[in-house]
Amino acid sequence: MLSLKNIVVGVLVLFILGVAGWVASNGGAYNGGEHGKVIADMGDRTNASSVKQKEKDDREKENDKLNALRDKAGNAGAFKVSRAYKSKCASCHGVNGSGFQNGKPMMGPKLFGQSADTIYKKLVEFKSGRKENVVMKGLLIPLSKEDLKVFADEIGEFPTRAETAKQ
């Protein structure tokens, strides 16, 4: 004899197959009907946004060119800094260590005006982990104490370099 469990499972299987047949006869869940129109509408939006994306890319290119010109103009009147400083420090502290670029505050604090000894102590503390900053630690890990001293000495000279550049 059939058990109650087998009867319930059989009824559920027939019900599920019936629902699947009904959905398939009405165009399927995603192959037509109202659902297909919704997906088609989403496709139209995607195409429209890709056109806007191309325009945005052109604007971004123009902004990149403008920023490059600003950087050139800013460096023409500013003092010279090493490539190492530009590649490791300028993106957070500014090209001249002011903590600002294009009139906007940057992520890193102002370095301009701090002594070489103060900068060196802070760099050593960041590298050792006594001062916590993931970005600074990541940048300083591969550097030796001599490298840190070179950075500190360069940053300590910024006020003197600025005065020389003004004259």
Protein backbone atom coordinates (compact mmCIF):
# COMPACT_ATOMS: atom_id res chain seq x y z
CA MET A 1 0.00 0.00 0.00
CA LEU A 2 0.94 3.57 -0.52
CA SER A 3 2.02 5.46 2.49
CA LEU A 4 0.77 8.93 3.29
CA LYS A 5 4.27 10.28 2.68
CA ASN A 6 4.32 8.94 -0.90
CA ILE A 7 0.87 10.36 -1.61
CA VAL A 8 1.86 13.86 -0.38
CA VAL A 9 5.08 13.81 -2.44
CA GLY A 10 3.16 12.67 -5.53
CA VAL A 11 0.60 15.45 -5.15
CA LEU A 12 3.35 18.08 -4.70
CA VAL A 13 5.21 16.83 -7.79
CA LEU A 14 2.04 17.01 -9.87
CA PHE A 15 1.34 20.52 -8.54
CA ILE A 16 4.86 21.73 -9.35
CA LEU A 17 4.74 20.23 -12.84
CA GLY A 18 1.35 21.86 -13.39
CA VAL A 19 2.63 25.29 -12.35
CA ALA A 20 5.73 24.86 -14.56
CA GLY A 21 3.51 23.93 -17.53
CA TRP A 22 1.23 26.91 -16.91
CA VAL A 23 4.22 29.33 -16.75
CA ALA A 24 5.70 27.86 -19.93
CA SER A 25 2.36 28.17 -21.79
CA ASN A 26 2.12 31.86 -20.82
CA GLY A 27 5.45 32.79 -22.40
CA GLY A 28 7.77 31.80 -19.60
CA ALA A 29 8.93 33.87 -16.70
CA TYR A 30 11.66 35.70 -18.65
CA ASN A 31 10.92 34.89 -22.30
CA GLY A 32 8.06 37.26 -22.99
CA GLY A 33 4.93 38.67 -21.51
CA GLU A 34 5.18 41.48 -18.99
CA HIS A 35 8.50 40.25 -17.64
CA GLY A 36 10.08 40.37 -21.08
CA LYS A 37 8.99 44.01 -21.48
CA VAL A 38 10.60 44.95 -18.17
CA ILE A 39 13.89 43.42 -19.25
CA ALA A 40 13.66 45.15 -22.65
CA ASP A 41 13.14 48.48 -20.87
CA MET A 42 16.20 47.82 -18.74
CA GLY A 43 18.18 47.15 -21.92
CA ASP A 44 17.13 50.54 -23.31
CA ARG A 45 18.34 52.25 -20.15
CA THR A 46 21.66 50.46 -20.35
CA ASN A 47 22.18 51.70 -23.91
CA ALA A 48 21.31 55.26 -22.91
CA SER A 49 23.72 55.18 -19.99
CA SER A 50 26.53 53.88 -22.20
CA VAL A 51 26.13 56.97 -24.42
CA LYS A 52 26.32 59.17 -21.33
CA GLN A 53 29.38 57.20 -20.21
CA LYS A 54 31.19 58.14 -23.44
CA GLU A 55 30.43 61.81 -22.78
CA LYS A 56 31.68 61.44 -19.23
CA ASP A 57 34.88 59.85 -20.49
CA ASP A 58 35.48 62.89 -22.72
CA ARG A 59 34.92 65.18 -19.75
CA GLU A 60 37.28 63.13 -17.64
CA LYS A 61 39.92 63.42 -20.35
CA GLU A 62 39.50 67.18 -20.42
CA ASN A 63 39.70 67.33 -16.61
CA ASP A 64 42.88 65.24 -16.69
CA LYS A 65 44.43 67.65 -19.19
CA LEU A 66 43.35 70.61 -17.08
CA ASN A 67 44.80 69.05 -13.93
CA ALA A 68 48.07 68.40 -15.76
CA LEU A 69 48.22 72.07 -16.76
CA ARG A 70 47.45 73.14 -13.18
CA ASP A 71 50.21 70.87 -11.93
CA LYS A 72 52.65 72.39 -14.43
CA ALA A 73 51.59 75.91 -13.52
CA GLY A 74 51.84 75.15 -9.82
CA ASN A 75 55.28 73.62 -10.18
CA ALA A 76 56.56 76.50 -12.33
CA GLY A 77 56.29 78.93 -9.43
CA ALA A 78 56.95 76.40 -6.68
CA PHE A 79 60.23 74.92 -5.53
CA LYS A 80 61.64 71.68 -6.88
CA VAL A 81 61.03 68.41 -5.05
CA SER A 82 62.51 64.98 -5.69
CA ARG A 83 60.76 62.32 -7.74
CA ALA A 84 60.69 60.13 -4.64
CA TYR A 85 58.75 62.81 -2.72
CA LYS A 86 56.35 63.31 -5.64
CA SER A 87 55.70 59.58 -5.98
CA LYS A 88 55.33 58.72 -2.29
CA CYS A 89 54.23 61.88 -0.48
CA ALA A 90 52.72 64.50 -2.79
CA SER A 91 49.43 62.69 -3.40
CA CYS A 92 48.47 63.05 0.29
CA HIS A 93 50.54 66.01 1.53
CA GLY A 94 50.63 68.20 -1.60
CA VAL A 95 53.48 68.96 -3.98
CA ASN A 96 54.89 71.55 -1.59
CA GLY A 97 53.91 69.83 1.68
CA SER A 98 51.16 72.35 2.40
CA GLY A 99 48.43 69.76 2.80
CA PHE A 100 46.48 71.55 0.03
CA GLN A 101 46.32 71.18 -3.73
CA ASN A 102 44.30 73.40 -6.08
CA GLY A 103 42.89 75.10 -2.99
CA LYS A 104 41.43 71.89 -1.57
CA PRO A 105 42.61 70.13 1.59
CA MET A 106 44.28 66.82 1.04
CA MET A 107 44.23 63.59 3.04
CA GLY A 108 47.61 64.13 4.74
CA PRO A 109 48.49 66.88 7.19
CA LYS A 110 50.70 69.88 6.48
CA LEU A 111 54.42 69.04 6.41
CA PHE A 112 55.70 72.46 5.37
CA GLY A 113 57.52 74.19 8.23
CA GLN A 114 58.27 71.09 10.31
CA SER A 115 61.90 70.42 11.12
CA ALA A 116 63.79 67.50 9.57
CA ASP A 117 64.22 65.93 13.03
CA THR A 118 60.48 66.06 13.76
CA ILE A 119 59.64 64.56 10.38
CA TYR A 120 62.25 61.82 10.82
CA LYS A 121 60.89 60.85 14.27
CA LYS A 122 57.34 60.68 12.89
CA LEU A 123 58.43 58.57 9.91
CA VAL A 124 60.22 56.11 12.20
CA GLU A 125 57.13 55.91 14.44
CA PHE A 126 54.87 55.21 11.44
CA LYS A 127 57.22 52.55 10.10
CA SER A 128 57.52 50.81 13.47
CA GLY A 129 53.76 50.92 14.08
CA ARG A 130 53.88 53.19 17.15
CA LYS A 131 51.81 55.66 15.14
CA GLU A 132 48.98 53.97 13.29
CA ASN A 133 48.32 54.78 9.67
CA VAL A 134 47.97 51.94 7.18
CA VAL A 135 48.91 54.07 4.17
CA MET A 136 52.03 55.48 5.79
CA LYS A 137 53.15 52.11 7.09
CA GLY A 138 52.63 50.53 3.67
CA LEU A 139 54.71 53.22 2.00
CA LEU A 140 57.50 53.12 4.58
CA ILE A 141 57.96 49.36 5.09
CA PRO A 142 60.39 48.90 2.16
CA LEU A 143 62.42 52.00 3.07
CA SER A 144 65.59 51.99 5.17
CA LYS A 145 66.36 54.47 7.96
CA GLU A 146 68.68 56.26 5.54
CA ASP A 147 65.80 56.65 3.07
CA LEU A 148 63.63 58.06 5.85
CA LYS A 149 66.39 60.51 6.74
CA VAL A 150 66.61 61.67 3.10
CA PHE A 151 62.84 62.32 3.04
CA ALA A 152 62.99 64.12 6.38
CA ASP A 153 65.89 66.32 5.26
CA GLU A 154 64.13 67.22 2.01
CA ILE A 155 60.86 68.09 3.74
CA GLY A 156 62.75 70.10 6.38
CA GLU A 157 64.26 72.20 3.57
CA PHE A 158 60.88 73.16 2.08
CA PRO A 159 60.68 76.64 3.71
CA THR A 160 64.21 77.48 2.53
CA ARG A 161 63.45 76.21 -0.97
CA ALA A 162 60.24 78.27 -1.07
CA GLU A 163 62.13 81.44 -0.11
CA THR A 164 64.80 80.76 -2.74
CA ALA A 165 62.14 80.15 -5.41
CA LYS A 166 60.42 83.47 -4.60
CA GLN A 167 63.65 85.39 -5.25
